[in-house]
Amino acid sequence: MSPHEVPRVSDDLWTVMNSASAVRRYRDEPVPDDVLEKCLLAASWAPSGGNGQPWKFVVIRSPELREVITEAARQTWEVMKDFYRLPTVAEDADDPKSRVLRAMAEHMHVGGGAPELVLFCVQPQRGTTEMQQAGSIFPAVQNFLLAARAQGLGAAITLWHGHCEPELRAAIGIPDDWKIATLLTVGWPAGGHHFVSRRPLPTAAVIDTWETPWSTNEA
């Protein structure tokens, strides 16, 4: 693909943004390289501090690394269950919270068995804070997620790498001065795409002061 070729998307940008929710269940179908490449290309178009583009996107296909990630995902689930005191969900429970918990549990049980895994790494720029460093990698993550959704894919951000970082660094050859930002699972959704559920905008946006919520001027 030409670096300047814009991939064709199936929905307008507003619909893509409003329906790019986390997808944790995938069909057992491969993701074609040309489809994944469009997501990676979109990630490379993201802004970064000083246009330094201090990123590396690692597509993980090694069976050995995938096994390491699967074990890390399962460790993450055990930690989460303990920390958040998550209940055991009955198989026939159909309320929204139970469905989410089941999807999370399945996601972390499958772990590295997801159709595609992409590790996002960033090289911190001298003098930058952790937050500033994040500003030079997470826009790329979001571009990837939107490009995935636009092509019908689903994806989810994970922090599983926290339980296997030394192994990943050694096997991949990640330099010591680089940080791992996140690991994405990617694939064709087992279900459909859904519009995101968010609090009303005035709870997130304010005007001038913390307690002055955004409001539209309606006659």
N, C-alpha and C. Protein backbone atom coordinates (compact mmCIF):
# COMPACT_ATOMS: atom_id res chain seq x y z
N MET A 1 0.84 -1.20 0.00
CA MET A 1 0.00 0.00 0.00
C MET A 1 0.87 1.25 0.00
N SER A 2 0.51 2.23 -0.82
CA SER A 2 1.23 3.50 -0.83
C SER A 2 1.06 4.21 0.50
N PRO A 3 2.13 4.86 1.02
CA PRO A 3 2.02 5.57 2.29
C PRO A 3 0.95 6.65 2.28
N HIS A 4 0.56 7.10 1.09
CA HIS A 4 -0.42 8.19 1.00
C HIS A 4 -1.79 7.71 0.55
N GLU A 5 -1.94 6.41 0.41
CA GLU A 5 -3.24 5.87 0.00
C GLU A 5 -4.16 5.78 1.20
N VAL A 6 -5.33 6.38 1.10
CA VAL A 6 -6.29 6.38 2.20
C VAL A 6 -7.19 5.16 2.08
N PRO A 7 -7.21 4.27 3.10
CA PRO A 7 -8.07 3.09 3.02
C PRO A 7 -9.54 3.47 2.96
N ARG A 8 -10.31 2.71 2.23
CA ARG A 8 -11.75 2.92 2.16
C ARG A 8 -12.38 2.37 3.42
N VAL A 9 -13.26 3.13 4.06
CA VAL A 9 -13.92 2.68 5.28
C VAL A 9 -15.39 2.43 5.01
N SER A 10 -15.98 1.59 5.87
CA SER A 10 -17.36 1.16 5.63
C SER A 10 -18.39 2.11 6.25
N ASP A 11 -17.99 2.92 7.22
CA ASP A 11 -18.92 3.82 7.89
C ASP A 11 -18.30 5.20 7.97
N ASP A 12 -19.15 6.21 8.19
CA ASP A 12 -18.60 7.54 8.37
C ASP A 12 -17.89 7.62 9.72
N LEU A 13 -17.03 8.60 9.87
CA LEU A 13 -16.17 8.70 11.05
C LEU A 13 -16.97 8.76 12.34
N TRP A 14 -18.08 9.48 12.34
CA TRP A 14 -18.87 9.63 13.57
C TRP A 14 -19.44 8.29 14.01
N THR A 15 -19.92 7.50 13.07
CA THR A 15 -20.44 6.19 13.41
C THR A 15 -19.34 5.28 13.92
N VAL A 16 -18.18 5.33 13.28
CA VAL A 16 -17.04 4.52 13.70
C VAL A 16 -16.65 4.86 15.13
N MET A 17 -16.53 6.15 15.45
CA MET A 17 -16.13 6.54 16.80
C MET A 17 -17.16 6.13 17.83
N ASN A 18 -18.44 6.22 17.46
CA ASN A 18 -19.53 5.95 18.40
C ASN A 18 -19.82 4.45 18.56
N SER A 19 -19.12 3.62 17.80
CA SER A 19 -19.37 2.18 17.90
C SER A 19 -18.07 1.38 18.00
N ALA A 20 -16.99 2.06 18.39
CA ALA A 20 -15.70 1.38 18.54
C ALA A 20 -15.51 0.95 19.99
N SER A 21 -16.46 0.18 20.49
CA SER A 21 -16.34 -0.30 21.87
C SER A 21 -15.36 -1.47 21.92
N ALA A 22 -14.90 -1.80 23.13
CA ALA A 22 -13.97 -2.91 23.29
C ALA A 22 -14.63 -4.21 22.88
N VAL A 23 -13.97 -4.98 22.05
CA VAL A 23 -14.46 -6.29 21.60
C VAL A 23 -13.50 -7.34 22.14
N ARG A 24 -14.03 -8.30 22.92
CA ARG A 24 -13.18 -9.28 23.57
C ARG A 24 -13.43 -10.71 23.11
N ARG A 25 -14.44 -10.92 22.28
CA ARG A 25 -14.73 -12.25 21.75
C ARG A 25 -14.58 -12.20 20.24
N TYR A 26 -13.81 -13.16 19.69
CA TYR A 26 -13.52 -13.14 18.26
C TYR A 26 -13.88 -14.46 17.60
N ARG A 27 -14.26 -14.37 16.34
CA ARG A 27 -14.47 -15.57 15.55
C ARG A 27 -13.13 -16.24 15.24
N ASP A 28 -13.18 -17.51 14.99
CA ASP A 28 -11.96 -18.25 14.68
C ASP A 28 -11.64 -18.09 13.20
N GLU A 29 -11.35 -16.85 12.82
CA GLU A 29 -11.01 -16.54 11.42
C GLU A 29 -9.78 -15.65 11.41
N PRO A 30 -8.87 -15.87 10.48
CA PRO A 30 -7.66 -15.04 10.42
C PRO A 30 -7.99 -13.63 9.93
N VAL A 31 -7.14 -12.70 10.30
CA VAL A 31 -7.23 -11.33 9.82
C VAL A 31 -6.24 -11.19 8.67
N PRO A 32 -6.71 -10.89 7.46
CA PRO A 32 -5.78 -10.76 6.33
C PRO A 32 -4.73 -9.69 6.59
N ASP A 33 -3.54 -9.92 6.09
CA ASP A 33 -2.45 -8.97 6.32
C ASP A 33 -2.77 -7.58 5.79
N ASP A 34 -3.47 -7.51 4.66
CA ASP A 34 -3.74 -6.18 4.10
C ASP A 34 -4.72 -5.41 4.98
N VAL A 35 -5.62 -6.11 5.68
CA VAL A 35 -6.54 -5.45 6.60
C VAL A 35 -5.78 -4.95 7.82
N LEU A 36 -4.93 -5.81 8.38
CA LEU A 36 -4.13 -5.40 9.54
C LEU A 36 -3.19 -4.26 9.18
N GLU A 37 -2.66 -4.30 7.96
CA GLU A 37 -1.73 -3.26 7.54
C GLU A 37 -2.40 -1.89 7.53
N LYS A 38 -3.68 -1.83 7.16
CA LYS A 38 -4.38 -0.56 7.17
C LYS A 38 -4.48 0.00 8.59
N CYS A 39 -4.67 -0.89 9.57
CA CYS A 39 -4.72 -0.45 10.97
C CYS A 39 -3.36 0.08 11.41
N LEU A 40 -2.30 -0.63 11.02
CA LEU A 40 -0.94 -0.20 11.37
C LEU A 40 -0.60 1.12 10.68
N LEU A 41 -1.03 1.26 9.44
CA LEU A 41 -0.78 2.51 8.71
C LEU A 41 -1.50 3.67 9.38
N ALA A 42 -2.76 3.45 9.78
CA ALA A 42 -3.51 4.50 10.48
C ALA A 42 -2.81 4.87 11.77
N ALA A 43 -2.27 3.89 12.49
CA ALA A 43 -1.53 4.18 13.72
C ALA A 43 -0.33 5.06 13.43
N SER A 44 0.33 4.81 12.32
CA SER A 44 1.53 5.60 11.98
C SER A 44 1.20 7.03 11.57
N TRP A 45 -0.07 7.31 11.28
CA TRP A 45 -0.48 8.67 10.93
C TRP A 45 -0.75 9.54 12.16
N ALA A 46 -0.72 8.96 13.34
CA ALA A 46 -1.09 9.70 14.55
C ALA A 46 -0.09 10.81 14.86
N PRO A 47 -0.54 11.84 15.58
CA PRO A 47 0.39 12.90 16.01
C PRO A 47 1.27 12.40 17.15
N SER A 48 2.41 13.05 17.31
CA SER A 48 3.31 12.73 18.42
C SER A 48 4.12 13.98 18.75
N GLY A 49 4.72 14.01 19.93
CA GLY A 49 5.48 15.18 20.35
C GLY A 49 6.59 15.51 19.38
N GLY A 50 6.57 16.73 18.85
CA GLY A 50 7.60 17.16 17.91
C GLY A 50 7.63 16.33 16.64
N ASN A 51 6.53 15.62 16.36
CA ASN A 51 6.46 14.69 15.23
C ASN A 51 7.62 13.69 15.28
N GLY A 52 8.03 13.34 16.51
CA GLY A 52 9.15 12.42 16.66
C GLY A 52 8.82 10.98 16.30
N GLN A 53 7.53 10.65 16.31
CA GLN A 53 7.07 9.30 15.98
C GLN A 53 7.89 8.23 16.74
N PRO A 54 7.96 8.36 18.08
CA PRO A 54 8.82 7.47 18.87
C PRO A 54 8.14 6.15 19.20
N TRP A 55 7.67 5.45 18.17
CA TRP A 55 6.87 4.27 18.43
C TRP A 55 7.36 3.06 17.63
N LYS A 56 6.95 1.90 18.09
CA LYS A 56 7.17 0.66 17.36
C LYS A 56 5.94 -0.21 17.63
N PHE A 57 5.35 -0.75 16.56
CA PHE A 57 4.17 -1.60 16.67
C PHE A 57 4.60 -3.04 16.38
N VAL A 58 4.56 -3.89 17.38
CA VAL A 58 5.07 -5.26 17.24
C VAL A 58 3.90 -6.23 17.07
N VAL A 59 3.77 -6.81 15.88
CA VAL A 59 2.76 -7.83 15.63
C VAL A 59 3.33 -9.16 16.13
N ILE A 60 2.63 -9.78 17.07
CA ILE A 60 3.14 -10.99 17.72
C ILE A 60 2.44 -12.22 17.17
N ARG A 61 3.22 -13.06 16.51
CA ARG A 61 2.67 -14.30 15.94
C ARG A 61 3.40 -15.55 16.43
N SER A 62 4.50 -15.38 17.11
CA SER A 62 5.26 -16.52 17.63
C SER A 62 4.41 -17.33 18.60
N PRO A 63 4.26 -18.64 18.36
CA PRO A 63 3.49 -19.48 19.29
C PRO A 63 4.05 -19.43 20.71
N GLU A 64 5.38 -19.36 20.83
CA GLU A 64 5.99 -19.32 22.16
C GLU A 64 5.63 -18.04 22.89
N LEU A 65 5.68 -16.91 22.19
CA LEU A 65 5.32 -15.64 22.83
C LEU A 65 3.83 -15.61 23.15
N ARG A 66 3.02 -16.19 22.30
CA ARG A 66 1.58 -16.22 22.55
C ARG A 66 1.26 -17.04 23.81
N GLU A 67 2.01 -18.10 24.03
CA GLU A 67 1.80 -18.89 25.24
C GLU A 67 2.17 -18.07 26.48
N VAL A 68 3.25 -17.31 26.39
CA VAL A 68 3.66 -16.45 27.49
C VAL A 68 2.56 -15.43 27.79
N ILE A 69 1.99 -14.85 26.73
CA ILE A 69 0.93 -13.84 26.90
C ILE A 69 -0.34 -14.47 27.48
N THR A 70 -0.66 -15.69 27.05
CA THR A 70 -1.83 -16.36 27.59
C THR A 70 -1.69 -16.56 29.10
N GLU A 71 -0.55 -17.01 29.53
CA GLU A 71 -0.32 -17.20 30.97
C GLU A 71 -0.42 -15.86 31.70
N ALA A 72 0.12 -14.80 31.11
CA ALA A 72 0.04 -13.47 31.72
C ALA A 72 -1.40 -12.98 31.81
N ALA A 73 -2.19 -13.27 30.76
CA ALA A 73 -3.60 -12.86 30.76
C ALA A 73 -4.36 -13.56 31.88
N ARG A 74 -4.09 -14.84 32.07
CA ARG A 74 -4.79 -15.59 33.11
C ARG A 74 -4.37 -15.12 34.50
N GLN A 75 -3.10 -14.75 34.66
CA GLN A 75 -2.65 -14.17 35.92
C GLN A 75 -3.36 -12.85 36.18
N THR A 76 -3.51 -12.04 35.12
CA THR A 76 -4.19 -10.76 35.25
C THR A 76 -5.62 -10.96 35.75
N TRP A 77 -6.31 -11.96 35.20
CA TRP A 77 -7.69 -12.21 35.60
C TRP A 77 -7.77 -12.60 37.07
N GLU A 78 -6.84 -13.42 37.53
CA GLU A 78 -6.84 -13.82 38.94
C GLU A 78 -6.62 -12.61 39.84
N VAL A 79 -5.71 -11.73 39.45
CA VAL A 79 -5.45 -10.51 40.22
C VAL A 79 -6.69 -9.62 40.24
N MET A 80 -7.33 -9.46 39.07
CA MET A 80 -8.52 -8.62 38.98
C MET A 80 -9.66 -9.17 39.83
N LYS A 81 -9.87 -10.47 39.77
CA LYS A 81 -10.94 -11.07 40.57
C LYS A 81 -10.73 -10.80 42.06
N ASP A 82 -9.50 -10.89 42.50
CA ASP A 82 -9.20 -10.65 43.91
C ASP A 82 -9.31 -9.17 44.26
N PHE A 83 -8.71 -8.30 43.42
CA PHE A 83 -8.67 -6.88 43.73
C PHE A 83 -10.07 -6.26 43.72
N TYR A 84 -10.87 -6.61 42.70
CA TYR A 84 -12.21 -6.03 42.57
C TYR A 84 -13.29 -6.88 43.22
N ARG A 85 -12.88 -8.02 43.79
CA ARG A 85 -13.83 -8.94 44.43
C ARG A 85 -14.96 -9.29 43.47
N LEU A 86 -14.58 -9.70 42.29
CA LEU A 86 -15.56 -10.02 41.26
C LEU A 86 -16.28 -11.31 41.60
N PRO A 87 -17.59 -11.33 41.43
CA PRO A 87 -18.36 -12.53 41.76
C PRO A 87 -18.23 -13.59 40.67
N THR A 88 -18.50 -14.83 41.02
CA THR A 88 -18.61 -15.89 40.03
C THR A 88 -19.95 -15.74 39.32
N VAL A 89 -19.91 -15.70 37.99
CA VAL A 89 -21.12 -15.43 37.21
C VAL A 89 -21.76 -16.74 36.77
N ALA A 90 -23.04 -16.87 37.04
CA ALA A 90 -23.78 -18.06 36.60
C ALA A 90 -23.87 -18.08 35.08
N GLU A 91 -23.79 -19.28 34.50
CA GLU A 91 -23.81 -19.41 33.04
C GLU A 91 -25.09 -18.87 32.42
N ASP A 92 -26.21 -18.95 33.16
CA ASP A 92 -27.49 -18.51 32.60
C ASP A 92 -27.82 -17.05 32.93
N ALA A 93 -26.93 -16.36 33.63
CA ALA A 93 -27.18 -14.95 33.97
C ALA A 93 -27.09 -14.11 32.70
N ASP A 94 -28.10 -13.27 32.48
CA ASP A 94 -28.16 -12.53 31.21
C ASP A 94 -28.21 -11.02 31.42
N ASP A 95 -27.95 -10.56 32.63
CA ASP A 95 -27.92 -9.11 32.85
C ASP A 95 -26.64 -8.54 32.27
N PRO A 96 -26.62 -7.22 31.97
CA PRO A 96 -25.45 -6.61 31.33
C PRO A 96 -24.14 -6.84 32.07
N LYS A 97 -24.14 -6.71 33.39
CA LYS A 97 -22.90 -6.87 34.15
C LYS A 97 -22.37 -8.30 34.03
N SER A 98 -23.26 -9.28 34.09
CA SER A 98 -22.84 -10.68 33.96
C SER A 98 -22.27 -10.96 32.58
N ARG A 99 -22.88 -10.40 31.56
CA ARG A 99 -22.37 -10.61 30.20
C ARG A 99 -20.98 -10.02 30.04
N VAL A 100 -20.77 -8.84 30.62
CA VAL A 100 -19.44 -8.20 30.54
C VAL A 100 -18.40 -9.03 31.27
N LEU A 101 -18.74 -9.50 32.47
CA LEU A 101 -17.80 -10.29 33.25
C LEU A 101 -17.45 -11.60 32.54
N ARG A 102 -18.44 -12.24 31.91
CA ARG A 102 -18.17 -13.47 31.17
C ARG A 102 -17.24 -13.20 30.00
N ALA A 103 -17.49 -12.08 29.29
CA ALA A 103 -16.64 -11.73 28.15
C ALA A 103 -15.21 -11.46 28.60
N MET A 104 -15.07 -10.76 29.73
CA MET A 104 -13.73 -10.49 30.27
C MET A 104 -13.01 -11.78 30.64
N ALA A 105 -13.74 -12.67 31.31
CA ALA A 105 -13.14 -13.94 31.73
C ALA A 105 -12.70 -14.75 30.52
N GLU A 106 -13.56 -14.81 29.50
CA GLU A 106 -13.21 -15.57 28.29
C GLU A 106 -12.03 -14.93 27.58
N HIS A 107 -12.02 -13.60 27.50
CA HIS A 107 -10.94 -12.88 26.85
C HIS A 107 -9.60 -13.23 27.47
N MET A 108 -9.54 -13.25 28.80
CA MET A 108 -8.27 -13.51 29.48
C MET A 108 -7.94 -14.99 29.53
N HIS A 109 -8.93 -15.84 29.38
CA HIS A 109 -8.65 -17.27 29.29
C HIS A 109 -8.05 -17.59 27.92
N VAL A 110 -8.60 -17.00 26.86
CA VAL A 110 -8.06 -17.20 25.51
C VAL A 110 -6.70 -16.54 25.40
N GLY A 111 -6.58 -15.33 25.96
CA GLY A 111 -5.30 -14.62 26.01
C GLY A 111 -4.61 -14.50 24.66
N GLY A 112 -3.42 -15.08 24.57
CA GLY A 112 -2.62 -14.99 23.36
C GLY A 112 -3.17 -15.77 22.19
N GLY A 113 -4.31 -16.43 22.38
CA GLY A 113 -4.94 -17.15 21.29
C GLY A 113 -5.82 -16.28 20.41
N ALA A 114 -5.89 -14.97 20.72
CA ALA A 114 -6.66 -14.05 19.87
C ALA A 114 -6.08 -14.08 18.45
N PRO A 115 -6.89 -13.79 17.43
CA PRO A 115 -6.39 -13.85 16.06
C PRO A 115 -5.13 -13.02 15.81
N GLU A 116 -5.10 -11.79 16.35
CA GLU A 116 -3.91 -10.96 16.21
C GLU A 116 -3.59 -10.29 17.54
N LEU A 117 -2.31 -10.09 17.78
CA LEU A 117 -1.82 -9.37 18.95
C LEU A 117 -0.85 -8.29 18.48
N VAL A 118 -1.04 -7.07 18.97
CA VAL A 118 -0.14 -5.98 18.58
C VAL A 118 0.32 -5.27 19.84
N LEU A 119 1.64 -5.23 20.02
CA LEU A 119 2.25 -4.57 21.17
C LEU A 119 2.69 -3.17 20.75
N PHE A 120 2.26 -2.16 21.52
CA PHE A 120 2.62 -0.78 21.22
C PHE A 120 3.72 -0.33 22.17
N CYS A 121 4.85 0.07 21.60
CA CYS A 121 6.00 0.50 22.39
C CYS A 121 6.35 1.95 22.07
N VAL A 122 6.91 2.64 23.05
CA VAL A 122 7.27 4.04 22.89
C VAL A 122 8.65 4.30 23.48
N GLN A 123 9.40 5.14 22.80
CA GLN A 123 10.71 5.55 23.32
C GLN A 123 10.55 6.92 23.97
N PRO A 124 10.65 6.99 25.30
CA PRO A 124 10.45 8.28 25.99
C PRO A 124 11.43 9.34 25.49
N GLN A 125 10.90 10.54 25.27
CA GLN A 125 11.75 11.65 24.87
C GLN A 125 12.32 12.31 26.12
N ARG A 126 13.53 12.74 26.03
CA ARG A 126 14.24 13.28 27.19
C ARG A 126 13.47 14.44 27.82
N GLY A 127 13.32 14.38 29.14
CA GLY A 127 12.66 15.46 29.86
C GLY A 127 11.15 15.37 29.91
N THR A 128 10.57 14.31 29.33
CA THR A 128 9.11 14.19 29.33
C THR A 128 8.62 13.40 30.53
N THR A 129 7.43 13.74 30.99
CA THR A 129 6.80 12.99 32.08
C THR A 129 6.12 11.75 31.51
N GLU A 130 5.65 10.87 32.40
CA GLU A 130 4.93 9.68 31.95
C GLU A 130 3.71 10.08 31.13
N MET A 131 2.99 11.11 31.58
CA MET A 131 1.80 11.55 30.87
C MET A 131 2.15 12.08 29.48
N GLN A 132 3.24 12.82 29.39
CA GLN A 132 3.66 13.35 28.09
C GLN A 132 4.10 12.24 27.15
N GLN A 133 4.73 11.23 27.70
CA GLN A 133 5.13 10.09 26.88
C GLN A 133 3.90 9.39 26.31
N ALA A 134 2.86 9.27 27.15
CA ALA A 134 1.63 8.62 26.71
C ALA A 134 1.02 9.36 25.53
N GLY A 135 1.18 10.69 25.51
CA GLY A 135 0.65 11.51 24.43
C GLY A 135 1.28 11.22 23.09
N SER A 136 2.41 10.52 23.10
CA SER A 136 3.08 10.20 21.84
C SER A 136 2.90 8.75 21.43
N ILE A 137 2.02 8.01 22.12
CA ILE A 137 1.74 6.63 21.72
C ILE A 137 0.25 6.31 21.69
N PHE A 138 -0.52 6.86 22.65
CA PHE A 138 -1.93 6.46 22.68
C PHE A 138 -2.78 7.07 21.56
N PRO A 139 -2.41 8.23 20.97
CA PRO A 139 -3.12 8.61 19.75
C PRO A 139 -2.95 7.57 18.63
N ALA A 140 -1.78 6.95 18.58
CA ALA A 140 -1.56 5.88 17.58
C ALA A 140 -2.43 4.67 17.90
N VAL A 141 -2.55 4.35 19.19
CA VAL A 141 -3.43 3.25 19.60
C VAL A 141 -4.87 3.54 19.16
N GLN A 142 -5.32 4.76 19.41
CA GLN A 142 -6.70 5.11 19.04
C GLN A 142 -6.90 5.08 17.53
N ASN A 143 -5.93 5.57 16.77
CA ASN A 143 -6.04 5.49 15.31
C ASN A 143 -6.18 4.04 14.86
N PHE A 144 -5.40 3.16 15.48
CA PHE A 144 -5.48 1.74 15.15
C PHE A 144 -6.88 1.20 15.45
N LEU A 145 -7.40 1.53 16.63
CA LEU A 145 -8.72 1.05 17.02
C LEU A 145 -9.81 1.52 16.06
N LEU A 146 -9.73 2.78 15.65
CA LEU A 146 -10.75 3.31 14.74
C LEU A 146 -10.63 2.68 13.35
N ALA A 147 -9.41 2.46 12.89
CA ALA A 147 -9.22 1.81 11.59
C ALA A 147 -9.72 0.37 11.64
N ALA A 148 -9.51 -0.28 12.79
CA ALA A 148 -10.00 -1.65 12.95
C ALA A 148 -11.52 -1.67 12.86
N ARG A 149 -12.16 -0.78 13.61
CA ARG A 149 -13.63 -0.73 13.60
C ARG A 149 -14.16 -0.39 12.21
N ALA A 150 -13.50 0.52 11.52
CA ALA A 150 -13.97 0.92 10.19
C ALA A 150 -13.97 -0.24 9.21
N GLN A 151 -13.12 -1.23 9.43
CA GLN A 151 -13.04 -2.39 8.55
C GLN A 151 -13.84 -3.59 9.06
N GLY A 152 -14.56 -3.36 10.18
CA GLY A 152 -15.38 -4.44 10.72
C GLY A 152 -14.70 -5.28 11.77
N LEU A 153 -13.45 -4.98 12.08
CA LEU A 153 -12.73 -5.71 13.12
C LEU A 153 -13.15 -5.24 14.50
N GLY A 154 -12.80 -6.03 15.50
CA GLY A 154 -12.95 -5.63 16.89
C GLY A 154 -11.58 -5.67 17.55
N ALA A 155 -11.41 -4.93 18.62
CA ALA A 155 -10.13 -4.91 19.32
C ALA A 155 -10.35 -4.50 20.77
N ALA A 156 -9.37 -4.82 21.60
CA ALA A 156 -9.45 -4.44 23.01
C ALA A 156 -8.05 -4.12 23.52
N ILE A 157 -7.97 -3.07 24.34
CA ILE A 157 -6.73 -2.72 25.01
C ILE A 157 -6.54 -3.62 26.22
N THR A 158 -5.33 -4.14 26.41
CA THR A 158 -5.02 -4.92 27.60
C THR A 158 -3.73 -4.42 28.23
N LEU A 159 -3.53 -4.82 29.47
CA LEU A 159 -2.28 -4.54 30.18
C LEU A 159 -1.62 -5.85 30.62
N TRP A 160 -1.89 -6.92 29.90
CA TRP A 160 -1.35 -8.23 30.25
C TRP A 160 0.17 -8.24 30.27
N HIS A 161 0.77 -7.37 29.47
CA HIS A 161 2.23 -7.37 29.37
C HIS A 161 2.90 -7.13 30.72
N GLY A 162 2.15 -6.55 31.66
CA GLY A 162 2.72 -6.28 32.97
C GLY A 162 3.13 -7.55 33.71
N HIS A 163 2.54 -8.69 33.33
CA HIS A 163 2.87 -9.95 33.98
C HIS A 163 3.89 -10.78 33.20
N CYS A 164 4.37 -10.25 32.08
CA CYS A 164 5.35 -11.01 31.31
C CYS A 164 6.35 -10.10 30.60
N GLU A 165 6.52 -8.89 31.09
CA GLU A 165 7.37 -7.92 30.40
C GLU A 165 8.80 -8.39 30.22
N PRO A 166 9.46 -8.96 31.23
CA PRO A 166 10.84 -9.40 31.01
C PRO A 166 10.96 -10.42 29.87
N GLU A 167 10.02 -11.36 29.80
CA GLU A 167 10.05 -12.36 28.75
C GLU A 167 9.84 -11.73 27.37
N LEU A 168 8.89 -10.79 27.29
CA LEU A 168 8.64 -10.12 26.02
C LEU A 168 9.86 -9.32 25.58
N ARG A 169 10.42 -8.58 26.50
CA ARG A 169 11.59 -7.77 26.17
C ARG A 169 12.75 -8.63 25.65
N ALA A 170 13.00 -9.72 26.34
CA ALA A 170 14.11 -10.57 25.95
C ALA A 170 13.88 -11.22 24.58
N ALA A 171 12.67 -11.74 24.37
CA ALA A 171 12.38 -12.45 23.12
C ALA A 171 12.29 -11.53 21.91
N ILE A 172 11.69 -10.36 22.11
CA ILE A 172 11.51 -9.41 21.01
C ILE A 172 12.77 -8.58 20.77
N GLY A 173 13.54 -8.37 21.83
CA GLY A 173 14.72 -7.52 21.72
C GLY A 173 14.41 -6.05 21.92
N ILE A 174 13.45 -5.76 22.79
CA ILE A 174 13.06 -4.38 23.05
C ILE A 174 14.21 -3.67 23.79
N PRO A 175 14.71 -2.57 23.26
CA PRO A 175 15.81 -1.86 23.93
C PRO A 175 15.42 -1.38 25.32
N ASP A 176 16.40 -1.26 26.19
CA ASP A 176 16.13 -0.87 27.58
C ASP A 176 15.49 0.50 27.70
N ASP A 177 15.76 1.39 26.75
CA ASP A 177 15.23 2.75 26.86
C ASP A 177 13.85 2.90 26.21
N TRP A 178 13.21 1.78 25.88
CA TRP A 178 11.85 1.81 25.35
C TRP A 178 10.89 1.27 26.39
N LYS A 179 9.64 1.77 26.36
CA LYS A 179 8.59 1.30 27.26
C LYS A 179 7.49 0.61 26.48
N ILE A 180 6.87 -0.40 27.10
CA ILE A 180 5.68 -1.02 26.52
C ILE A 180 4.46 -0.27 27.02
N ALA A 181 3.65 0.24 26.09
CA ALA A 181 2.48 1.01 26.47
C ALA A 181 1.25 0.14 26.67
N THR A 182 0.99 -0.74 25.71
CA THR A 182 -0.20 -1.59 25.81
C THR A 182 -0.11 -2.72 24.81
N LEU A 183 -0.96 -3.72 25.02
CA LEU A 183 -1.08 -4.85 24.10
C LEU A 183 -2.52 -4.91 23.63
N LEU A 184 -2.72 -4.94 22.32
CA LEU A 184 -4.08 -5.04 21.76
C LEU A 184 -4.35 -6.45 21.26
N THR A 185 -5.55 -6.93 21.55
CA THR A 185 -6.06 -8.13 20.88
C THR A 185 -6.97 -7.67 19.75
N VAL A 186 -6.92 -8.39 18.63
CA VAL A 186 -7.63 -7.95 17.43
C VAL A 186 -8.24 -9.16 16.72
N GLY A 187 -9.44 -9.00 16.19
CA GLY A 187 -10.05 -10.08 15.42
C GLY A 187 -11.43 -9.70 14.93
N TRP A 188 -12.05 -10.62 14.22
CA TRP A 188 -13.42 -10.40 13.76
C TRP A 188 -14.37 -10.69 14.91
N PRO A 189 -15.25 -9.77 15.27
CA PRO A 189 -16.13 -9.96 16.44
C PRO A 189 -17.00 -11.20 16.34
N ALA A 190 -17.12 -11.91 17.46
CA ALA A 190 -18.04 -13.05 17.50
C ALA A 190 -19.48 -12.56 17.47
N GLY A 191 -19.72 -11.36 17.97
CA GLY A 191 -21.03 -10.73 17.91
C GLY A 191 -20.98 -9.52 16.99
N GLY A 192 -21.90 -8.61 17.19
CA GLY A 192 -21.91 -7.41 16.36
C GLY A 192 -21.23 -6.25 17.06
N HIS A 193 -21.17 -5.13 16.37
CA HIS A 193 -20.67 -3.90 16.98
C HIS A 193 -21.85 -3.18 17.65
N HIS A 194 -21.55 -2.50 18.73
CA HIS A 194 -22.60 -1.81 19.48
C HIS A 194 -22.17 -0.38 19.74
N PHE A 195 -23.16 0.50 19.82
CA PHE A 195 -22.84 1.88 20.17
C PHE A 195 -22.35 1.94 21.62
N VAL A 196 -21.41 2.83 21.86
CA VAL A 196 -20.83 2.92 23.20
C VAL A 196 -21.84 3.52 24.17
N SER A 197 -21.69 3.18 25.43
CA SER A 197 -22.53 3.73 26.49
C SER A 197 -21.68 4.68 27.32
N ARG A 198 -22.03 5.94 27.33
CA ARG A 198 -21.25 6.94 28.04
C ARG A 198 -22.17 7.87 28.84
N ARG A 199 -21.60 8.49 29.87
CA ARG A 199 -22.36 9.46 30.65
C ARG A 199 -22.67 10.68 29.79
N PRO A 200 -23.71 11.46 30.14
CA PRO A 200 -24.04 12.66 29.38
C PRO A 200 -22.85 13.61 29.30
N LEU A 201 -22.71 14.28 28.19
CA LEU A 201 -21.57 15.16 27.96
C LEU A 201 -21.35 16.19 29.06
N PRO A 202 -22.40 16.82 29.63
CA PRO A 202 -22.15 17.82 30.67
C PRO A 202 -21.45 17.27 31.92
N THR A 203 -21.41 15.95 32.09
CA THR A 203 -20.67 15.41 33.23
C THR A 203 -19.17 15.33 32.92
N ALA A 204 -18.81 15.47 31.64
CA ALA A 204 -17.40 15.39 31.25
C ALA A 204 -16.83 16.72 30.80
N ALA A 205 -17.66 17.57 30.22
CA ALA A 205 -17.18 18.84 29.67
C ALA A 205 -17.71 20.02 30.49
N VAL A 206 -16.83 20.97 30.77
CA VAL A 206 -17.22 22.16 31.53
C VAL A 206 -16.74 23.41 30.81
N ILE A 207 -17.27 24.55 31.24
CA ILE A 207 -16.88 25.84 30.65
C ILE A 207 -16.22 26.69 31.73
N ASP A 208 -14.96 26.99 31.56
CA ASP A 208 -14.19 27.89 32.43
C ASP A 208 -13.91 27.34 33.83
N THR A 209 -14.92 26.84 34.52
CA THR A 209 -14.70 26.33 35.87
C THR A 209 -15.16 24.88 35.97
N TRP A 210 -14.61 24.17 36.96
CA TRP A 210 -14.87 22.75 37.16
C TRP A 210 -16.35 22.44 37.37
N GLU A 211 -17.07 23.39 37.93
CA GLU A 211 -18.48 23.16 38.29
C GLU A 211 -19.46 23.79 37.32
N THR A 212 -18.99 24.25 36.16
CA THR A 212 -19.88 24.85 35.16
C THR A 212 -20.00 23.92 33.97
N PRO A 213 -21.01 23.04 33.97
CA PRO A 213 -21.10 22.03 32.91
C PRO A 213 -21.40 22.63 31.55
N TRP A 214 -20.86 21.97 30.55
CA TRP A 214 -21.18 22.33 29.17
C TRP A 214 -22.68 22.17 28.94
N SER A 215 -23.25 23.12 28.25
CA SER A 215 -24.67 23.02 27.90
C SER A 215 -24.88 23.69 26.56
N THR A 216 -25.85 23.14 25.81
CA THR A 216 -26.18 23.75 24.52
C THR A 216 -27.20 24.86 24.76
N ASN A 217 -27.11 25.92 23.97
CA ASN A 217 -28.05 27.02 24.11
C ASN A 217 -29.30 26.71 23.27
N GLU A 218 -30.34 26.32 23.96
CA GLU A 218 -31.58 25.99 23.26
C GLU A 218 -32.60 27.08 23.48
N ALA A 219 -33.21 27.50 22.40
CA ALA A 219 -34.21 28.58 22.50
C ALA A 219 -35.47 28.05 23.17
